């Protein structure tokens, strides 16, 4: 069984059953195309922080992360120094992992460089999107996520392994992995077909 009934009785992706708050996240965010650079950067960072943890933990702390990282404005985060690292290590509202914190700061610098080179994060990241109409996948990685992971690592990004990157792609709509039968799949697919980067 790949679906579970949502609060309205209509079928949703089975993973929603893991936590009550997942239904709203699933219906309003997951799988819908996102082109805002700050939100794309935020999600890449949060997926890195999630490594070894559950998404429920990260989702519960997301607003704390946003406050701590200036709404993931990568131009501001790129200017963080060791004092900011120490400040963040004392912030109980986020994941206090030095390696992940330092990776987020490093990645902010790489994001600034990417925008200067590519015009935006979206223009680069969406080159790795799967075509509209692609069948949903249950794999942890795909050739596309492996390619994007390699490209990011080549540019100096950290905590962007293929599994982390694929979770990012699923969440940001670069692929529509809502399962067949999920009431949200068609809505996400329609949004992807209308998304500017998908029309190029």
C-alpha atoms as a PDB file:
ATOM      1  CA  UNK A   1       0.000   0.000   0.000  1.00  0.00           C
ATOM      2  CA  UNK A   2       1.580   3.269  -1.141  1.00  0.00           C
ATOM      3  CA  UNK A   3      -0.986   5.736   0.193  1.00  0.00           C
ATOM      4  CA  UNK A   4      -2.712   6.545   3.465  1.00  0.00           C
ATOM      5  CA  UNK A   5      -5.908   8.535   3.998  1.00  0.00           C
ATOM      6  CA  UNK A   6      -5.370  12.181   4.901  1.00  0.00           C
ATOM      7  CA  UNK A   7      -7.453  14.263   7.312  1.00  0.00           C
ATOM      8  CA  UNK A   8     -10.065  14.656   4.559  1.00  0.00           C
ATOM      9  CA  UNK A   9     -10.089  10.936   3.812  1.00  0.00           C
ATOM     10  CA  UNK A  10      -8.332  11.351   0.455  1.00  0.00           C
ATOM     11  CA  UNK A  11      -5.159   9.360  -0.282  1.00  0.00           C
ATOM     12  CA  UNK A  12      -1.729  10.832   0.391  1.00  0.00           C
ATOM     13  CA  UNK A  13       1.817   9.464   0.094  1.00  0.00           C
ATOM     14  CA  UNK A  14       2.336   6.852   2.799  1.00  0.00           C
ATOM     15  CA  UNK A  15       5.196   8.734   4.498  1.00  0.00           C
ATOM     16  CA  UNK A  16       2.687  11.345   5.721  1.00  0.00           C
ATOM     17  CA  UNK A  17       1.508   8.873   8.351  1.00  0.00           C
ATOM     18  CA  UNK A  18       4.841   9.210  10.203  1.00  0.00           C
ATOM     19  CA  UNK A  19       3.770  12.490  11.850  1.00  0.00           C
ATOM     20  CA  UNK A  20       0.570  14.579  11.896  1.00  0.00           C
ATOM     21  CA  UNK A  21       2.412  17.715  10.744  1.00  0.00           C
ATOM     22  CA  UNK A  22       3.601  15.951   7.604  1.00  0.00           C
ATOM     23  CA  UNK A  23       0.189  16.209   5.926  1.00  0.00           C
ATOM     24  CA  UNK A  24       0.328  20.023   5.677  1.00  0.00           C
ATOM     25  CA  UNK A  25       3.960  19.926   4.548  1.00  0.00           C
ATOM     26  CA  UNK A  26       3.114  17.272   1.947  1.00  0.00           C
ATOM     27  CA  UNK A  27       0.058  19.097   0.607  1.00  0.00           C
ATOM     28  CA  UNK A  28       1.514  22.600   0.511  1.00  0.00           C
ATOM     29  CA  UNK A  29       5.244  22.276  -0.120  1.00  0.00           C
ATOM     30  CA  UNK A  30       6.713  18.877  -0.936  1.00  0.00           C
ATOM     31  CA  UNK A  31       7.070  18.279  -4.655  1.00  0.00           C
ATOM     32  CA  UNK A  32       5.906  21.729  -5.726  1.00  0.00           C
ATOM     33  CA  UNK A  33       8.431  23.638  -7.878  1.00  0.00           C
ATOM     34  CA  UNK A  34      10.402  26.326  -6.077  1.00  0.00           C
ATOM     35  CA  UNK A  35      12.510  28.969  -7.785  1.00  0.00           C
ATOM     36  CA  UNK A  36      13.303  31.317  -4.912  1.00  0.00           C
ATOM     37  CA  UNK A  37      17.055  31.235  -4.329  1.00  0.00           C
ATOM     38  CA  UNK A  38      16.818  31.746  -0.570  1.00  0.00           C
ATOM     39  CA  UNK A  39      14.340  28.877  -0.202  1.00  0.00           C
ATOM     40  CA  UNK A  40      16.433  26.635  -2.433  1.00  0.00           C
ATOM     41  CA  UNK A  41      19.505  27.427  -0.353  1.00  0.00           C
ATOM     42  CA  UNK A  42      17.533  26.910   2.856  1.00  0.00           C
ATOM     43  CA  UNK A  43      16.410  23.469   1.762  1.00  0.00           C
ATOM     44  CA  UNK A  44      19.902  22.404   0.728  1.00  0.00           C
ATOM     45  CA  UNK A  45      21.161  23.475   4.151  1.00  0.00           C
ATOM     46  CA  UNK A  46      18.328  21.810   6.064  1.00  0.00           C
ATOM     47  CA  UNK A  47      18.779  18.568   4.164  1.00  0.00           C
ATOM     48  CA  UNK A  48      22.437  18.702   5.188  1.00  0.00           C
ATOM     49  CA  UNK A  49      21.460  19.248   8.822  1.00  0.00           C
ATOM     50  CA  UNK A  50      19.022  16.343   8.559  1.00  0.00           C
ATOM     51  CA  UNK A  51      21.798  13.885   7.676  1.00  0.00           C
ATOM     52  CA  UNK A  52      21.523  11.069  10.221  1.00  0.00           C
ATOM     53  CA  UNK A  53      18.330  12.542  11.702  1.00  0.00           C
ATOM     54  CA  UNK A  54      14.620  12.578  10.855  1.00  0.00           C
ATOM     55  CA  UNK A  55      12.925  15.269   8.779  1.00  0.00           C
ATOM     56  CA  UNK A  56      10.396  15.657  11.606  1.00  0.00           C
ATOM     57  CA  UNK A  57      13.213  16.910  13.844  1.00  0.00           C
ATOM     58  CA  UNK A  58      14.317  19.465  11.255  1.00  0.00           C
ATOM     59  CA  UNK A  59      10.795  20.585  10.384  1.00  0.00           C
ATOM     60  CA  UNK A  60      10.072  21.250  14.056  1.00  0.00           C
ATOM     61  CA  UNK A  61      13.164  23.451  14.244  1.00  0.00           C
ATOM     62  CA  UNK A  62      12.821  25.154  10.849  1.00  0.00           C
ATOM     63  CA  UNK A  63      11.734  28.531  12.180  1.00  0.00           C
ATOM     64  CA  UNK A  64      14.617  28.460  14.672  1.00  0.00           C
ATOM     65  CA  UNK A  65      17.003  27.763  11.800  1.00  0.00           C
ATOM     66  CA  UNK A  66      15.545  30.660   9.842  1.00  0.00           C
ATOM     67  CA  UNK A  67      16.117  33.027  12.732  1.00  0.00           C
ATOM     68  CA  UNK A  68      19.627  31.749  13.359  1.00  0.00           C
ATOM     69  CA  UNK A  69      20.652  31.934   9.687  1.00  0.00           C
ATOM     70  CA  UNK A  70      18.995  35.252   8.732  1.00  0.00           C
ATOM     71  CA  UNK A  71      16.243  33.536   6.717  1.00  0.00           C
ATOM     72  CA  UNK A  72      19.006  31.757   4.803  1.00  0.00           C
ATOM     73  CA  UNK A  73      20.106  34.915   3.037  1.00  0.00           C
ATOM     74  CA  UNK A  74      23.310  33.389   1.727  1.00  0.00           C
ATOM     75  CA  UNK A  75      24.966  36.769   1.214  1.00  0.00           C
ATOM     76  CA  UNK A  76      24.655  37.356   4.977  1.00  0.00           C
ATOM     77  CA  UNK A  77      25.513  33.786   5.992  1.00  0.00           C
ATOM     78  CA  UNK A  78      28.638  33.872   3.839  1.00  0.00           C
ATOM     79  CA  UNK A  79      29.967  36.623   6.126  1.00  0.00           C
ATOM     80  CA  UNK A  80      29.611  34.500   9.282  1.00  0.00           C
ATOM     81  CA  UNK A  81      32.860  34.007  11.170  1.00  0.00           C
ATOM     82  CA  UNK A  82      34.068  31.855  14.056  1.00  0.00           C
ATOM     83  CA  UNK A  83      32.106  33.964  16.545  1.00  0.00           C
ATOM     84  CA  UNK A  84      28.946  33.076  14.647  1.00  0.00           C
ATOM     85  CA  UNK A  85      29.901  29.404  14.690  1.00  0.00           C
ATOM     86  CA  UNK A  86      30.302  29.563  18.479  1.00  0.00           C
ATOM     87  CA  UNK A  87      26.977  31.419  18.775  1.00  0.00           C
ATOM     88  CA  UNK A  88      25.204  28.771  16.738  1.00  0.00           C
ATOM     89  CA  UNK A  89      26.790  25.952  18.730  1.00  0.00           C
ATOM     90  CA  UNK A  90      25.083  27.410  21.813  1.00  0.00           C
ATOM     91  CA  UNK A  91      21.677  27.725  20.110  1.00  0.00           C
ATOM     92  CA  UNK A  92      19.498  24.898  21.449  1.00  0.00           C
ATOM     93  CA  UNK A  93      16.848  25.707  18.840  1.00  0.00           C
ATOM     94  CA  UNK A  94      18.884  24.240  15.997  1.00  0.00           C
ATOM     95  CA  UNK A  95      21.094  21.193  15.402  1.00  0.00           C
ATOM     96  CA  UNK A  96      24.365  22.009  17.191  1.00  0.00           C
ATOM     97  CA  UNK A  97      26.773  20.152  14.953  1.00  0.00           C
ATOM     98  CA  UNK A  98      29.958  22.054  14.148  1.00  0.00           C
ATOM     99  CA  UNK A  99      30.575  20.282  10.850  1.00  0.00           C
ATOM    100  CA  UNK A 100      27.071  20.974   9.578  1.00  0.00           C
ATOM    101  CA  UNK A 101      27.128  24.596  10.746  1.00  0.00           C
ATOM    102  CA  UNK A 102      30.467  25.202   9.069  1.00  0.00           C
ATOM    103  CA  UNK A 103      29.197  23.468   5.930  1.00  0.00           C
ATOM    104  CA  UNK A 104      26.191  25.812   5.781  1.00  0.00           C
ATOM    105  CA  UNK A 105      28.491  28.842   6.047  1.00  0.00           C
ATOM    106  CA  UNK A 106      30.825  27.415   3.415  1.00  0.00           C
ATOM    107  CA  UNK A 107      27.895  26.661   1.131  1.00  0.00           C
ATOM    108  CA  UNK A 108      26.643  30.214   1.474  1.00  0.00           C
ATOM    109  CA  UNK A 109      29.919  31.396  -0.020  1.00  0.00           C
ATOM    110  CA  UNK A 110      29.575  28.882  -2.832  1.00  0.00           C
ATOM    111  CA  UNK A 111      26.003  30.092  -3.425  1.00  0.00           C
ATOM    112  CA  UNK A 112      27.203  33.682  -3.784  1.00  0.00           C
ATOM    113  CA  UNK A 113      29.752  32.515  -6.344  1.00  0.00           C
ATOM    114  CA  UNK A 114      27.133  30.497  -8.213  1.00  0.00           C
ATOM    115  CA  UNK A 115      24.782  33.452  -8.482  1.00  0.00           C
ATOM    116  CA  UNK A 116      27.584  35.603  -9.895  1.00  0.00           C
ATOM    117  CA  UNK A 117      28.380  32.887 -12.447  1.00  0.00           C
ATOM    118  CA  UNK A 118      24.922  31.542 -13.302  1.00  0.00           C
ATOM    119  CA  UNK A 119      22.619  34.456 -12.512  1.00  0.00           C
ATOM    120  CA  UNK A 120      20.749  32.507  -9.831  1.00  0.00           C
ATOM    121  CA  UNK A 121      20.813  29.236  -7.923  1.00  0.00           C
ATOM    122  CA  UNK A 122      17.568  28.248  -9.599  1.00  0.00           C
ATOM    123  CA  UNK A 123      18.986  28.516 -13.099  1.00  0.00           C
ATOM    124  CA  UNK A 124      21.755  26.051 -12.185  1.00  0.00           C
ATOM    125  CA  UNK A 125      19.791  23.641 -10.004  1.00  0.00           C
ATOM    126  CA  UNK A 126      16.836  23.309 -12.356  1.00  0.00           C
ATOM    127  CA  UNK A 127      19.062  22.046 -15.162  1.00  0.00           C
ATOM    128  CA  UNK A 128      19.036  18.770 -13.233  1.00  0.00           C
ATOM    129  CA  UNK A 129      15.245  18.503 -12.984  1.00  0.00           C
ATOM    130  CA  UNK A 130      13.469  15.435 -14.276  1.00  0.00           C
ATOM    131  CA  UNK A 131      11.006  16.011 -17.134  1.00  0.00           C
ATOM    132  CA  UNK A 132       7.329  16.554 -16.431  1.00  0.00           C
ATOM    133  CA  UNK A 133       5.459  13.276 -16.430  1.00  0.00           C
ATOM    134  CA  UNK A 134       8.352  11.207 -15.064  1.00  0.00           C
ATOM    135  CA  UNK A 135       7.223   8.208 -13.051  1.00  0.00           C
ATOM    136  CA  UNK A 136       7.628   8.492  -9.269  1.00  0.00           C
ATOM    137  CA  UNK A 137      10.650   6.779  -7.757  1.00  0.00           C
ATOM    138  CA  UNK A 138      11.225   5.092  -4.418  1.00  0.00           C
ATOM    139  CA  UNK A 139      15.020   5.101  -4.838  1.00  0.00           C
ATOM    140  CA  UNK A 140      17.269   6.997  -2.436  1.00  0.00           C
ATOM    141  CA  UNK A 141      19.375   8.329  -5.314  1.00  0.00           C
ATOM    142  CA  UNK A 142      18.998   8.735  -9.067  1.00  0.00           C
ATOM    143  CA  UNK A 143      21.431   9.471 -11.899  1.00  0.00           C
ATOM    144  CA  UNK A 144      20.220  13.085 -11.747  1.00  0.00           C
ATOM    145  CA  UNK A 145      20.903  13.438  -8.028  1.00  0.00           C
ATOM    146  CA  UNK A 146      24.321  11.833  -8.446  1.00  0.00           C
ATOM    147  CA  UNK A 147      25.150  14.268 -11.243  1.00  0.00           C
ATOM    148  CA  UNK A 148      23.959  17.281  -9.254  1.00  0.00           C
ATOM    149  CA  UNK A 149      25.840  16.117  -6.156  1.00  0.00           C
ATOM    150  CA  UNK A 150      29.042  15.791  -8.181  1.00  0.00           C
ATOM    151  CA  UNK A 151      28.554  19.241  -9.705  1.00  0.00           C
ATOM    152  CA  UNK A 152      27.993  20.869  -6.310  1.00  0.00           C
ATOM    153  CA  UNK A 153      30.960  19.089  -4.741  1.00  0.00           C
ATOM    154  CA  UNK A 154      33.135  20.170  -7.650  1.00  0.00           C
ATOM    155  CA  UNK A 155      32.164  23.756  -6.820  1.00  0.00           C
ATOM    156  CA  UNK A 156      33.153  23.218  -3.178  1.00  0.00           C
ATOM    157  CA  UNK A 157      29.762  22.583  -1.565  1.00  0.00           C
ATOM    158  CA  UNK A 158      29.667  20.287   1.478  1.00  0.00           C
ATOM    159  CA  UNK A 159      27.075  17.858   2.917  1.00  0.00           C
ATOM    160  CA  UNK A 160      25.563  17.459  -0.541  1.00  0.00           C
ATOM    161  CA  UNK A 161      25.800  13.711  -1.131  1.00  0.00           C
ATOM    162  CA  UNK A 162      23.487  12.062  -3.701  1.00  0.00           C
ATOM    163  CA  UNK A 163      20.905  10.990  -1.101  1.00  0.00           C
ATOM    164  CA  UNK A 164      20.777  14.450   0.482  1.00  0.00           C
ATOM    165  CA  UNK A 165      20.530  16.054  -2.945  1.00  0.00           C
ATOM    166  CA  UNK A 166      17.746  13.723  -4.046  1.00  0.00           C
ATOM    167  CA  UNK A 167      15.700  14.557  -0.954  1.00  0.00           C
ATOM    168  CA  UNK A 168      16.217  18.222  -1.885  1.00  0.00           C
ATOM    169  CA  UNK A 169      15.095  17.562  -5.464  1.00  0.00           C
ATOM    170  CA  UNK A 170      11.964  15.788  -4.267  1.00  0.00           C
ATOM    171  CA  UNK A 171      11.037  18.555  -1.855  1.00  0.00           C
ATOM    172  CA  UNK A 172      11.686  21.439  -4.250  1.00  0.00           C
ATOM    173  CA  UNK A 173       9.799  19.918  -7.164  1.00  0.00           C
ATOM    174  CA  UNK A 174      12.754  19.111  -9.407  1.00  0.00           C
ATOM    175  CA  UNK A 175      11.072  15.716  -9.520  1.00  0.00           C
ATOM    176  CA  UNK A 176       7.489  14.781  -8.731  1.00  0.00           C
ATOM    177  CA  UNK A 177       7.689  11.758  -6.446  1.00  0.00           C
ATOM    178  CA  UNK A 178       4.151  11.932  -5.123  1.00  0.00           C
ATOM    179  CA  UNK A 179       3.022   8.356  -5.658  1.00  0.00           C
ATOM    180  CA  UNK A 180       0.374   7.317  -8.143  1.00  0.00           C
ATOM    181  CA  UNK A 181      -2.973   7.628  -6.418  1.00  0.00           C
ATOM    182  CA  UNK A 182      -1.867  10.481  -4.128  1.00  0.00           C
ATOM    183  CA  UNK A 183      -4.346  13.344  -4.370  1.00  0.00           C
ATOM    184  CA  UNK A 184      -1.484  15.858  -4.493  1.00  0.00           C
ATOM    185  CA  UNK A 185       0.424  14.276  -7.385  1.00  0.00           C
ATOM    186  CA  UNK A 186      -1.652  15.887 -10.143  1.00  0.00           C
ATOM    187  CA  UNK A 187      -1.493  19.299  -8.446  1.00  0.00           C
ATOM    188  CA  UNK A 188       2.305  19.132  -8.207  1.00  0.00           C
ATOM    189  CA  UNK A 189       2.556  17.942 -11.813  1.00  0.00           C
ATOM    190  CA  UNK A 190       0.404  20.822 -13.056  1.00  0.00           C
ATOM    191  CA  UNK A 191       2.559  23.279 -11.116  1.00  0.00           C
ATOM    192  CA  UNK A 192       5.728  21.794 -12.619  1.00  0.00           C
ATOM    193  CA  UNK A 193       4.370  22.073 -16.185  1.00  0.00           C
ATOM    194  CA  UNK A 194       3.653  25.770 -15.608  1.00  0.00           C
ATOM    195  CA  UNK A 195       6.987  26.471 -13.892  1.00  0.00           C
ATOM    196  CA  UNK A 196       9.242  28.741 -16.003  1.00  0.00           C
ATOM    197  CA  UNK A 197      12.373  26.587 -15.665  1.00  0.00           C
ATOM    198  CA  UNK A 198      10.449  23.525 -16.901  1.00  0.00           C
ATOM    199  CA  UNK A 199       9.510  25.311 -20.135  1.00  0.00           C
ATOM    200  CA  UNK A 200      13.068  25.976 -21.236  1.00  0.00           C
END
